[in-house]
N, C-alpha and C. Protein backbone atom coordinates (compact mmCIF):
# COMPACT_ATOMS: atom_id res chain seq x y z
N MET A 1 -99.52 -181.39 -72.99
CA MET A 1 -99.96 -182.46 -73.14
C MET A 1 -99.16 -183.36 -73.76
N GLN A 2 -98.81 -184.76 -72.93
CA GLN A 2 -98.00 -185.73 -73.50
C GLN A 2 -99.01 -187.22 -73.66
N THR A 3 -98.58 -188.00 -74.74
CA THR A 3 -99.16 -189.09 -74.38
C THR A 3 -97.73 -189.87 -74.27
N LEU A 4 -98.15 -191.02 -72.87
CA LEU A 4 -97.06 -191.58 -72.61
C LEU A 4 -97.07 -192.98 -73.17
N LEU A 5 -95.74 -193.80 -73.11
CA LEU A 5 -96.15 -195.37 -72.91
C LEU A 5 -96.01 -196.33 -71.90
N ARG A 6 -97.03 -196.72 -71.21
CA ARG A 6 -96.55 -197.90 -70.01
C ARG A 6 -95.33 -198.96 -70.80
N PRO A 7 -94.81 -199.75 -69.45
CA PRO A 7 -94.26 -200.76 -70.05
C PRO A 7 -94.88 -201.87 -71.07
N ASP A 8 -96.08 -202.03 -71.04
CA ASP A 8 -96.71 -203.04 -71.75
C ASP A 8 -97.09 -202.86 -73.09
N GLY A 9 -96.50 -201.42 -73.33
CA GLY A 9 -96.95 -200.87 -74.93
C GLY A 9 -98.03 -200.26 -75.01
N SER A 10 -99.18 -199.81 -73.93
CA SER A 10 -100.26 -198.97 -73.96
C SER A 10 -100.06 -197.71 -73.62
N LYS A 11 -100.82 -197.11 -74.65
CA LYS A 11 -100.73 -195.84 -74.10
C LYS A 11 -101.25 -194.65 -72.81
N VAL A 12 -100.93 -194.04 -72.76
CA VAL A 12 -101.49 -192.92 -71.04
C VAL A 12 -101.80 -191.59 -72.00
N PRO A 13 -102.93 -191.14 -72.46
CA PRO A 13 -103.34 -190.33 -72.81
C PRO A 13 -103.31 -188.85 -71.66
N HIS A 14 -102.93 -187.78 -71.84
CA HIS A 14 -103.15 -186.68 -71.34
C HIS A 14 -102.01 -186.63 -70.05
N LEU A 15 -100.94 -187.51 -69.99
CA LEU A 15 -100.37 -186.97 -68.51
C LEU A 15 -99.14 -186.04 -69.20
N GLN A 16 -99.05 -185.12 -68.08
CA GLN A 16 -98.01 -184.39 -68.02
C GLN A 16 -97.14 -184.48 -66.92
N VAL A 17 -95.94 -184.32 -67.19
CA VAL A 17 -95.15 -184.61 -65.45
C VAL A 17 -93.88 -183.16 -65.95
N THR A 18 -94.24 -182.43 -64.67
CA THR A 18 -92.90 -181.34 -65.24
C THR A 18 -92.01 -181.86 -64.02
N VAL A 19 -90.99 -181.62 -64.11
CA VAL A 19 -89.93 -182.22 -63.04
C VAL A 19 -88.71 -180.68 -63.46
N LYS A 20 -88.47 -180.16 -62.45
CA LYS A 20 -87.77 -179.33 -61.99
C LYS A 20 -86.26 -180.13 -62.20
N LEU A 21 -85.19 -179.13 -62.89
CA LEU A 21 -84.14 -179.91 -63.32
C LEU A 21 -83.23 -180.49 -61.91
N GLY A 22 -82.51 -181.39 -61.96
CA GLY A 22 -82.02 -182.24 -60.69
C GLY A 22 -82.75 -183.33 -59.93
N GLN A 23 -84.20 -182.76 -60.02
CA GLN A 23 -85.09 -184.21 -59.28
C GLN A 23 -85.26 -185.15 -60.46
N CYS A 24 -85.12 -186.44 -59.90
CA CYS A 24 -84.98 -187.93 -60.59
C CYS A 24 -86.28 -188.52 -60.83
N LEU A 25 -86.71 -188.84 -62.15
CA LEU A 25 -88.00 -189.38 -62.69
C LEU A 25 -87.92 -190.67 -61.33
N TRP A 26 -86.79 -191.21 -61.32
CA TRP A 26 -86.90 -192.78 -60.81
C TRP A 26 -87.65 -192.63 -59.54
N ARG A 27 -88.10 -191.35 -58.95
CA ARG A 27 -88.75 -191.54 -57.79
C ARG A 27 -90.05 -191.75 -57.93
N LEU A 28 -90.58 -191.60 -58.84
CA LEU A 28 -92.06 -191.56 -59.29
C LEU A 28 -92.23 -193.09 -60.28
N PRO A 29 -92.99 -193.87 -59.05
CA PRO A 29 -93.14 -195.39 -59.63
C PRO A 29 -93.93 -195.65 -60.94
N MET A 30 -95.33 -194.52 -60.90
CA MET A 30 -96.12 -195.01 -62.42
C MET A 30 -95.36 -194.54 -63.40
N LEU A 31 -93.97 -194.09 -63.56
CA LEU A 31 -93.68 -193.84 -65.12
C LEU A 31 -92.79 -195.14 -65.85
N PRO A 32 -92.95 -195.44 -66.86
CA PRO A 32 -91.86 -196.25 -67.71
C PRO A 32 -90.72 -196.62 -67.36
N PRO A 33 -90.32 -197.72 -67.28
CA PRO A 33 -88.71 -197.81 -66.79
C PRO A 33 -87.58 -196.72 -67.44
N LEU A 34 -88.01 -196.76 -68.87
CA LEU A 34 -87.00 -195.78 -69.47
C LEU A 34 -87.02 -194.60 -69.32
N MET A 35 -88.29 -193.79 -68.47
CA MET A 35 -88.08 -192.39 -68.16
C MET A 35 -87.65 -192.59 -66.86
N LYS A 36 -87.75 -193.60 -65.62
CA LYS A 36 -87.31 -193.58 -64.70
C LYS A 36 -85.32 -193.41 -64.64
N ARG A 37 -84.99 -193.22 -65.70
CA ARG A 37 -83.86 -193.35 -65.73
C ARG A 37 -82.89 -191.76 -66.03
N ARG A 38 -83.85 -191.01 -66.28
CA ARG A 38 -83.43 -189.67 -66.46
C ARG A 38 -83.53 -188.40 -65.54
N CYS A 39 -83.01 -187.27 -65.41
CA CYS A 39 -83.32 -186.27 -64.43
C CYS A 39 -82.84 -184.85 -65.25
N GLY A 40 -84.26 -184.46 -65.72
CA GLY A 40 -84.07 -183.23 -66.69
C GLY A 40 -83.38 -184.04 -67.94
N GLU A 41 -82.33 -183.34 -68.43
CA GLU A 41 -81.88 -183.09 -69.35
C GLU A 41 -80.62 -184.66 -69.36
N ALA A 42 -80.20 -184.66 -68.06
CA ALA A 42 -78.79 -185.21 -67.94
C ALA A 42 -79.28 -186.92 -67.31
N GLU A 43 -78.48 -187.69 -67.06
CA GLU A 43 -78.08 -188.75 -66.78
C GLU A 43 -78.69 -188.57 -65.28
N CYS A 44 -79.29 -189.29 -64.09
CA CYS A 44 -79.52 -189.42 -63.00
C CYS A 44 -78.28 -189.25 -62.28
N PRO A 45 -77.38 -188.41 -61.49
CA PRO A 45 -76.53 -188.78 -60.65
C PRO A 45 -76.58 -190.02 -59.88
N GLN A 46 -75.43 -190.95 -59.75
CA GLN A 46 -75.40 -191.84 -58.87
C GLN A 46 -74.61 -191.61 -57.45
N ALA A 47 -75.07 -192.60 -56.86
CA ALA A 47 -74.71 -192.63 -55.34
C ALA A 47 -72.82 -193.05 -55.45
N ALA A 48 -72.14 -192.42 -54.20
CA ALA A 48 -70.96 -192.48 -54.35
C ALA A 48 -70.44 -192.66 -53.07
N TRP A 49 -68.93 -193.69 -53.02
CA TRP A 49 -68.58 -193.79 -51.32
C TRP A 49 -67.55 -192.03 -51.17
N GLU A 50 -68.10 -191.88 -49.99
CA GLU A 50 -67.21 -190.93 -49.33
C GLU A 50 -66.64 -191.42 -47.76
N ALA A 51 -65.17 -191.17 -47.91
CA ALA A 51 -64.39 -191.54 -46.97
C ALA A 51 -63.71 -190.64 -46.44
N SER A 52 -63.97 -190.55 -44.95
CA SER A 52 -62.85 -189.50 -44.43
C SER A 52 -61.40 -189.63 -44.25
N ASP A 53 -61.21 -188.19 -44.41
CA ASP A 53 -59.31 -188.51 -44.59
C ASP A 53 -58.82 -188.40 -43.01
N GLU A 54 -59.64 -188.49 -42.09
CA GLU A 54 -59.56 -188.64 -40.54
C GLU A 54 -59.19 -189.93 -40.28
N TRP A 55 -58.22 -190.61 -39.62
CA TRP A 55 -58.15 -191.76 -38.98
C TRP A 55 -57.80 -192.00 -37.49
N THR A 56 -58.88 -192.21 -36.78
CA THR A 56 -58.54 -192.57 -35.28
C THR A 56 -57.20 -192.99 -34.84
N GLU A 57 -56.80 -192.55 -33.79
CA GLU A 57 -55.45 -192.95 -33.30
C GLU A 57 -55.44 -194.60 -33.28
N CYS A 58 -54.02 -195.18 -33.42
CA CYS A 58 -53.99 -196.48 -32.89
C CYS A 58 -54.53 -197.25 -31.69
N ARG A 59 -55.57 -197.98 -32.13
CA ARG A 59 -56.14 -198.35 -30.60
C ARG A 59 -55.96 -200.18 -30.35
N PRO A 60 -55.40 -200.63 -29.24
CA PRO A 60 -54.63 -199.71 -28.28
C PRO A 60 -53.49 -198.96 -28.54
N SER A 61 -53.02 -198.30 -27.91
CA SER A 61 -51.74 -197.99 -27.95
C SER A 61 -50.53 -198.05 -27.78
N CYS A 62 -50.57 -199.59 -27.36
CA CYS A 62 -49.74 -200.76 -28.02
C CYS A 62 -49.78 -201.75 -28.22
N GLY A 63 -48.77 -202.76 -28.77
CA GLY A 63 -49.04 -203.80 -29.29
C GLY A 63 -49.57 -203.79 -30.61
N ALA A 64 -50.51 -204.72 -31.38
CA ALA A 64 -51.32 -204.48 -32.87
C ALA A 64 -52.52 -204.43 -32.41
N GLY A 65 -52.95 -203.45 -33.10
CA GLY A 65 -54.35 -202.90 -33.06
C GLY A 65 -55.02 -202.20 -34.32
N GLU A 66 -56.19 -201.27 -34.19
CA GLU A 66 -56.51 -200.80 -35.46
C GLU A 66 -56.73 -199.29 -35.52
N ARG A 67 -56.94 -198.71 -36.71
CA ARG A 67 -57.46 -197.47 -36.95
C ARG A 67 -58.23 -197.58 -37.65
N THR A 68 -59.61 -196.58 -37.55
CA THR A 68 -60.77 -196.53 -38.19
C THR A 68 -61.06 -195.36 -38.76
N ARG A 69 -62.02 -195.13 -39.63
CA ARG A 69 -62.51 -193.94 -40.42
C ARG A 69 -63.70 -194.14 -40.69
N GLN A 70 -64.49 -192.95 -41.28
CA GLN A 70 -65.92 -193.05 -41.55
C GLN A 70 -65.84 -192.99 -42.67
N VAL A 71 -66.54 -194.01 -43.49
CA VAL A 71 -67.19 -194.37 -44.97
C VAL A 71 -68.43 -194.75 -45.40
N THR A 72 -68.98 -193.80 -45.99
CA THR A 72 -70.55 -193.58 -46.03
C THR A 72 -70.60 -193.51 -47.71
N CYS A 73 -71.67 -194.15 -47.76
CA CYS A 73 -72.39 -193.99 -49.26
C CYS A 73 -73.44 -193.18 -49.39
N MET A 74 -72.92 -192.18 -50.17
CA MET A 74 -73.77 -190.80 -50.44
C MET A 74 -74.76 -190.56 -51.68
N ALA A 75 -75.27 -189.89 -51.60
CA ALA A 75 -76.59 -189.86 -53.14
C ALA A 75 -76.77 -188.51 -52.72
N PRO A 76 -76.93 -187.84 -54.22
CA PRO A 76 -77.58 -186.53 -54.28
C PRO A 76 -78.83 -186.09 -53.65
N THR A 77 -79.42 -185.00 -53.05
CA THR A 77 -81.21 -184.85 -52.69
C THR A 77 -81.51 -184.46 -53.90
N GLY A 78 -82.47 -184.40 -53.77
CA GLY A 78 -83.59 -184.03 -54.72
C GLY A 78 -83.36 -183.07 -55.87
N ASP A 79 -82.96 -181.47 -54.38
CA ASP A 79 -82.60 -180.61 -55.15
C ASP A 79 -81.14 -180.05 -56.12
N GLY A 80 -80.56 -181.84 -56.01
CA GLY A 80 -78.94 -181.61 -56.52
C GLY A 80 -77.79 -180.89 -55.98
N ASN A 81 -77.98 -180.09 -54.66
CA ASN A 81 -77.49 -178.61 -54.02
C ASN A 81 -76.43 -179.82 -52.66
N ALA A 82 -77.02 -180.74 -52.46
CA ALA A 82 -76.23 -181.27 -51.26
C ALA A 82 -76.59 -182.97 -51.52
N SER A 83 -76.12 -183.45 -50.89
CA SER A 83 -75.89 -185.02 -50.76
C SER A 83 -76.32 -185.69 -49.27
N GLU A 84 -76.76 -186.96 -49.50
CA GLU A 84 -77.04 -187.60 -47.85
C GLU A 84 -76.56 -189.10 -47.80
N PRO A 85 -77.01 -189.47 -46.46
CA PRO A 85 -76.57 -190.87 -46.59
C PRO A 85 -77.32 -191.74 -47.20
N VAL A 86 -77.36 -192.76 -47.74
CA VAL A 86 -77.76 -194.07 -48.11
C VAL A 86 -77.29 -194.91 -47.72
N ALA A 87 -78.17 -196.02 -47.92
CA ALA A 87 -77.65 -197.84 -47.98
C ALA A 87 -76.53 -197.79 -48.79
N ASP A 88 -75.52 -198.79 -48.35
CA ASP A 88 -74.51 -199.09 -49.06
C ASP A 88 -74.76 -199.85 -50.45
N SER A 89 -75.59 -200.61 -50.14
CA SER A 89 -76.22 -200.84 -51.85
C SER A 89 -76.45 -200.28 -52.90
N ARG A 90 -77.14 -199.01 -52.50
CA ARG A 90 -77.21 -198.06 -53.91
C ARG A 90 -75.43 -197.72 -54.29
N CYS A 91 -74.29 -197.91 -53.67
CA CYS A 91 -73.12 -197.59 -54.23
C CYS A 91 -72.44 -198.66 -55.00
N SER A 92 -73.32 -199.64 -55.08
CA SER A 92 -72.96 -200.91 -55.76
C SER A 92 -72.24 -200.33 -57.35
N ALA A 93 -72.62 -199.48 -57.77
CA ALA A 93 -71.83 -199.23 -59.17
C ALA A 93 -70.95 -198.29 -58.80
N ALA A 94 -70.33 -197.82 -57.65
CA ALA A 94 -69.50 -196.79 -57.32
C ALA A 94 -68.22 -197.55 -57.22
N GLY A 95 -68.11 -198.90 -57.34
CA GLY A 95 -66.94 -199.56 -56.90
C GLY A 95 -66.74 -200.17 -55.77
N THR A 96 -65.18 -200.83 -55.82
CA THR A 96 -65.09 -201.54 -54.28
C THR A 96 -65.38 -199.97 -52.94
N LYS A 97 -65.96 -200.52 -51.91
CA LYS A 97 -65.99 -199.62 -50.68
C LYS A 97 -64.61 -199.61 -50.22
N PRO A 98 -64.16 -198.33 -49.62
CA PRO A 98 -63.19 -197.91 -49.35
C PRO A 98 -62.98 -198.60 -48.08
N LYS A 99 -61.37 -198.71 -47.36
CA LYS A 99 -61.28 -199.40 -46.25
C LYS A 99 -61.61 -198.65 -45.06
N ALA A 100 -62.33 -198.99 -44.43
CA ALA A 100 -62.61 -198.04 -42.93
C ALA A 100 -62.02 -198.89 -41.53
N VAL A 101 -61.03 -199.75 -41.96
CA VAL A 101 -60.52 -199.96 -40.66
C VAL A 101 -58.94 -200.59 -41.22
N LEU A 102 -57.81 -200.11 -40.53
CA LEU A 102 -56.39 -200.64 -41.08
C LEU A 102 -55.56 -200.88 -39.48
N PRO A 103 -54.82 -202.36 -39.69
CA PRO A 103 -54.49 -202.69 -38.81
C PRO A 103 -53.07 -201.37 -38.71
N CYS A 104 -52.54 -201.96 -37.49
CA CYS A 104 -51.39 -200.53 -37.04
C CYS A 104 -51.01 -201.41 -35.84
N SER A 105 -49.76 -201.07 -35.47
CA SER A 105 -48.68 -201.55 -34.49
C SER A 105 -48.06 -200.33 -33.38
N GLY A 106 -48.54 -200.08 -32.22
CA GLY A 106 -47.93 -199.13 -31.58
C GLY A 106 -46.72 -199.66 -30.84
N ILE A 107 -46.04 -199.10 -29.98
CA ILE A 107 -45.06 -199.52 -29.18
C ILE A 107 -45.60 -200.96 -28.48
N PRO A 108 -43.94 -201.85 -28.09
CA PRO A 108 -44.35 -202.86 -27.64
C PRO A 108 -45.09 -202.56 -25.75
N CYS A 109 -46.36 -203.15 -25.70
CA CYS A 109 -46.71 -202.98 -24.24
C CYS A 109 -46.33 -203.37 -23.21
N THR A 110 -45.95 -202.51 -22.16
CA THR A 110 -45.40 -203.12 -20.50
C THR A 110 -46.17 -204.07 -20.23
N PRO A 111 -45.27 -205.45 -20.03
CA PRO A 111 -45.69 -206.60 -19.15
C PRO A 111 -46.31 -206.51 -17.71
N VAL A 112 -47.65 -206.83 -17.32
CA VAL A 112 -48.26 -206.56 -16.19
C VAL A 112 -48.55 -208.23 -15.86
N TRP A 113 -48.48 -207.94 -14.27
CA TRP A 113 -48.74 -209.22 -13.31
C TRP A 113 -50.32 -209.72 -13.46
N ALA A 114 -51.08 -210.40 -13.73
CA ALA A 114 -52.09 -210.94 -13.89
C ALA A 114 -52.61 -212.10 -12.77
N GLN A 115 -53.15 -211.49 -11.52
CA GLN A 115 -53.58 -212.16 -10.43
C GLN A 115 -54.90 -212.74 -10.71
N MET A 116 -54.79 -214.40 -10.42
CA MET A 116 -55.98 -215.21 -10.18
C MET A 116 -56.70 -215.44 -8.81
N PRO A 117 -57.83 -215.75 -8.86
CA PRO A 117 -58.27 -215.26 -7.73
C PRO A 117 -57.76 -216.99 -6.78
N TYR A 118 -57.64 -216.91 -5.57
CA TYR A 118 -56.88 -217.42 -4.41
C TYR A 118 -58.25 -218.57 -4.19
N THR A 119 -57.58 -219.85 -4.02
CA THR A 119 -58.53 -221.11 -3.81
C THR A 119 -59.35 -220.42 -2.84
N LYS A 120 -59.98 -221.39 -2.38
CA LYS A 120 -60.99 -221.40 -1.02
C LYS A 120 -60.18 -222.31 0.24
N CYS A 121 -60.18 -221.91 1.40
CA CYS A 121 -59.68 -222.50 2.58
C CYS A 121 -60.59 -223.63 3.15
N ASP A 122 -60.10 -224.45 3.24
CA ASP A 122 -60.44 -225.66 3.86
C ASP A 122 -60.81 -225.54 5.15
N PRO A 123 -62.28 -225.68 5.63
CA PRO A 123 -62.84 -225.33 7.03
C PRO A 123 -62.40 -226.55 7.77
N LEU A 124 -61.97 -227.82 7.25
CA LEU A 124 -61.61 -228.57 8.38
C LEU A 124 -60.17 -228.86 8.57
N SER A 125 -59.11 -227.72 7.96
CA SER A 125 -58.19 -228.03 8.09
C SER A 125 -57.32 -226.54 8.74
N TRP A 126 -56.82 -226.35 9.42
CA TRP A 126 -56.61 -225.26 9.98
C TRP A 126 -54.97 -225.74 10.97
N PRO A 127 -53.91 -225.03 10.82
CA PRO A 127 -53.84 -223.82 9.89
C PRO A 127 -53.67 -224.29 8.36
N SER A 128 -54.07 -223.49 7.61
CA SER A 128 -53.90 -223.76 6.23
C SER A 128 -53.60 -222.79 5.24
N THR A 129 -53.31 -222.59 4.29
CA THR A 129 -53.06 -221.62 3.26
C THR A 129 -54.07 -221.71 2.01
N ARG A 130 -54.24 -220.88 1.28
CA ARG A 130 -55.24 -220.81 0.14
C ARG A 130 -53.67 -220.24 -0.92
N GLN A 131 -53.95 -220.96 -2.23
CA GLN A 131 -52.93 -220.32 -3.60
C GLN A 131 -53.97 -219.85 -4.58
N ARG A 132 -52.69 -218.89 -5.29
CA ARG A 132 -53.28 -218.75 -6.30
C ARG A 132 -52.43 -218.43 -7.97
N ASP A 133 -52.53 -218.24 -8.87
CA ASP A 133 -51.55 -218.43 -9.84
C ASP A 133 -51.38 -216.50 -10.11
N VAL A 134 -50.31 -216.52 -10.42
CA VAL A 134 -49.77 -214.87 -10.83
C VAL A 134 -49.11 -215.22 -12.02
N LEU A 135 -49.54 -214.72 -12.94
CA LEU A 135 -48.40 -214.68 -14.54
C LEU A 135 -48.21 -213.70 -14.84
N CYS A 136 -46.98 -213.62 -15.80
CA CYS A 136 -46.72 -212.39 -16.09
C CYS A 136 -46.99 -211.92 -17.65
N LEU A 137 -47.80 -211.56 -18.09
CA LEU A 137 -48.77 -211.33 -19.51
C LEU A 137 -48.26 -210.01 -20.42
N ARG A 138 -48.23 -210.01 -21.44
CA ARG A 138 -47.95 -208.58 -22.37
C ARG A 138 -49.17 -208.53 -23.50
N ARG A 139 -50.04 -207.59 -23.48
CA ARG A 139 -51.10 -207.66 -24.40
C ARG A 139 -50.02 -207.29 -25.90
N THR A 140 -50.74 -208.49 -27.02
CA THR A 140 -50.19 -208.40 -28.29
C THR A 140 -51.24 -207.61 -29.27
N SER A 141 -52.53 -208.09 -28.57
CA SER A 141 -53.57 -207.43 -29.88
C SER A 141 -54.81 -206.52 -28.56
N LEU A 142 -55.72 -206.34 -29.38
CA LEU A 142 -56.93 -206.12 -28.84
C LEU A 142 -57.32 -206.71 -27.62
N THR A 143 -57.36 -208.28 -28.07
CA THR A 143 -57.82 -209.54 -27.33
C THR A 143 -57.07 -210.40 -26.72
N MET A 144 -55.78 -210.39 -27.59
CA MET A 144 -54.55 -211.28 -26.97
C MET A 144 -53.51 -210.86 -26.31
N TYR A 145 -53.09 -212.07 -25.39
CA TYR A 145 -52.02 -211.46 -24.45
C TYR A 145 -50.83 -212.90 -24.73
N GLU A 146 -49.42 -212.64 -24.45
CA GLU A 146 -48.40 -213.88 -24.87
C GLU A 146 -47.91 -213.64 -23.15
N ARG A 147 -47.72 -214.91 -22.35
CA ARG A 147 -47.25 -214.96 -21.34
C ARG A 147 -45.59 -215.21 -21.19
N LEU A 148 -45.09 -214.38 -20.18
CA LEU A 148 -43.86 -214.04 -20.41
C LEU A 148 -43.01 -214.97 -19.11
N ALA A 149 -41.95 -215.16 -19.46
CA ALA A 149 -41.30 -215.38 -18.01
C ALA A 149 -41.41 -214.48 -16.68
N ASP A 150 -41.44 -214.58 -15.50
CA ASP A 150 -41.66 -213.69 -14.47
C ASP A 150 -40.88 -212.84 -14.17
N GLU A 151 -39.55 -212.72 -14.55
CA GLU A 151 -38.27 -211.92 -14.81
C GLU A 151 -38.89 -210.63 -15.48
N GLU A 152 -39.84 -210.76 -16.39
CA GLU A 152 -39.81 -210.14 -17.53
C GLU A 152 -41.04 -208.69 -17.16
N CYS A 153 -41.79 -209.61 -15.91
CA CYS A 153 -42.77 -208.38 -14.97
C CYS A 153 -41.79 -207.82 -13.76
N ALA A 154 -41.18 -208.73 -13.18
CA ALA A 154 -40.30 -208.42 -11.82
C ALA A 154 -39.48 -206.88 -12.33
N ILE A 155 -39.06 -206.73 -13.16
CA ILE A 155 -38.26 -205.18 -13.74
C ILE A 155 -38.68 -204.24 -13.64
N VAL A 156 -40.69 -204.29 -13.68
CA VAL A 156 -41.51 -203.04 -13.92
C VAL A 156 -42.13 -203.21 -12.50
N LYS A 157 -42.29 -204.38 -11.58
CA LYS A 157 -43.04 -204.11 -10.39
C LYS A 157 -43.16 -205.65 -9.77
N PRO A 158 -42.55 -205.93 -8.31
CA PRO A 158 -42.39 -207.27 -7.66
C PRO A 158 -43.67 -207.78 -7.50
N LYS A 159 -43.31 -209.21 -8.08
CA LYS A 159 -44.35 -210.40 -8.17
C LYS A 159 -45.29 -210.26 -6.81
N PRO A 160 -46.82 -210.43 -7.31
CA PRO A 160 -47.28 -209.90 -6.04
C PRO A 160 -47.49 -211.50 -5.44
N ARG A 161 -48.16 -211.93 -4.18
CA ARG A 161 -48.06 -212.75 -3.09
C ARG A 161 -49.01 -213.97 -3.98
N THR A 162 -48.48 -215.51 -3.90
CA THR A 162 -49.05 -216.13 -4.53
C THR A 162 -49.87 -217.31 -3.61
N SER A 163 -49.47 -217.44 -2.30
CA SER A 163 -50.36 -217.59 -1.50
C SER A 163 -50.80 -216.99 -0.07
N ARG A 164 -51.39 -217.30 0.99
CA ARG A 164 -52.22 -216.31 2.38
C ARG A 164 -52.66 -217.13 3.03
N GLY A 165 -52.38 -216.87 4.10
CA GLY A 165 -52.83 -218.18 5.24
C GLY A 165 -54.59 -217.82 5.43
N CYS A 166 -55.17 -218.68 5.84
CA CYS A 166 -56.45 -219.10 5.54
C CYS A 166 -56.61 -218.53 7.09
N PRO A 167 -57.90 -217.50 7.56
CA PRO A 167 -58.31 -217.46 8.85
C PRO A 167 -58.47 -218.66 9.75
N ARG A 168 -58.51 -218.74 10.91
CA ARG A 168 -58.96 -219.97 11.81
C ARG A 168 -60.48 -219.95 12.00
N PRO A 169 -60.93 -221.33 11.39
CA PRO A 169 -61.94 -221.63 11.57
C PRO A 169 -62.86 -221.46 12.64
N ARG A 170 -64.44 -220.72 12.97
CA ARG A 170 -65.22 -220.62 14.06
C ARG A 170 -65.75 -221.54 14.24
N THR A 171 -65.79 -221.81 15.86
CA THR A 171 -66.14 -222.86 16.47
C THR A 171 -67.08 -222.52 17.61
N SER A 172 -67.89 -223.37 17.22
CA SER A 172 -69.34 -223.38 18.07
C SER A 172 -69.27 -222.99 19.47
N GLY A 173 -70.29 -222.19 20.12
CA GLY A 173 -69.68 -222.47 21.74
C GLY A 173 -70.61 -222.89 22.28
N LYS A 174 -70.81 -224.53 22.11
CA LYS A 174 -71.51 -225.38 22.62
C LYS A 174 -70.79 -225.95 23.48
């Protein structure tokens, strides 16, 4: 049997605690703070960052993009033979979290034609045509495009139509 001291200095008679090596006492909230820091005969193992060596392919495959990998805060399990994922806050003493995202750049993207919707036909005017914008664009990042001269896209594919005739308006049969 042992006599332990509470944080306020009072004694706790006849309290006996048996702990297997590798089990941390910090999981027992009724013990004084000093005892919560020890695991058997050694200090409690700390959580640490684990970063995968495997990075994803650059996304998108052309223009500026990013590669990612898994970075997890891991802490030893109660038996000390394995580890498990825990909240990132548990790794505060382990230093700066390793990068999980890196910028990358692939080959320049092929320009494409971006076709906007046609304007509406005027039912009071016939014959008439409806118009639309057709722009030559190239992807520069995941969400950004740059506008190019039409000649850049024309090398890849002819420019789509920018105008189209409107159908004849229906007349009432009265």
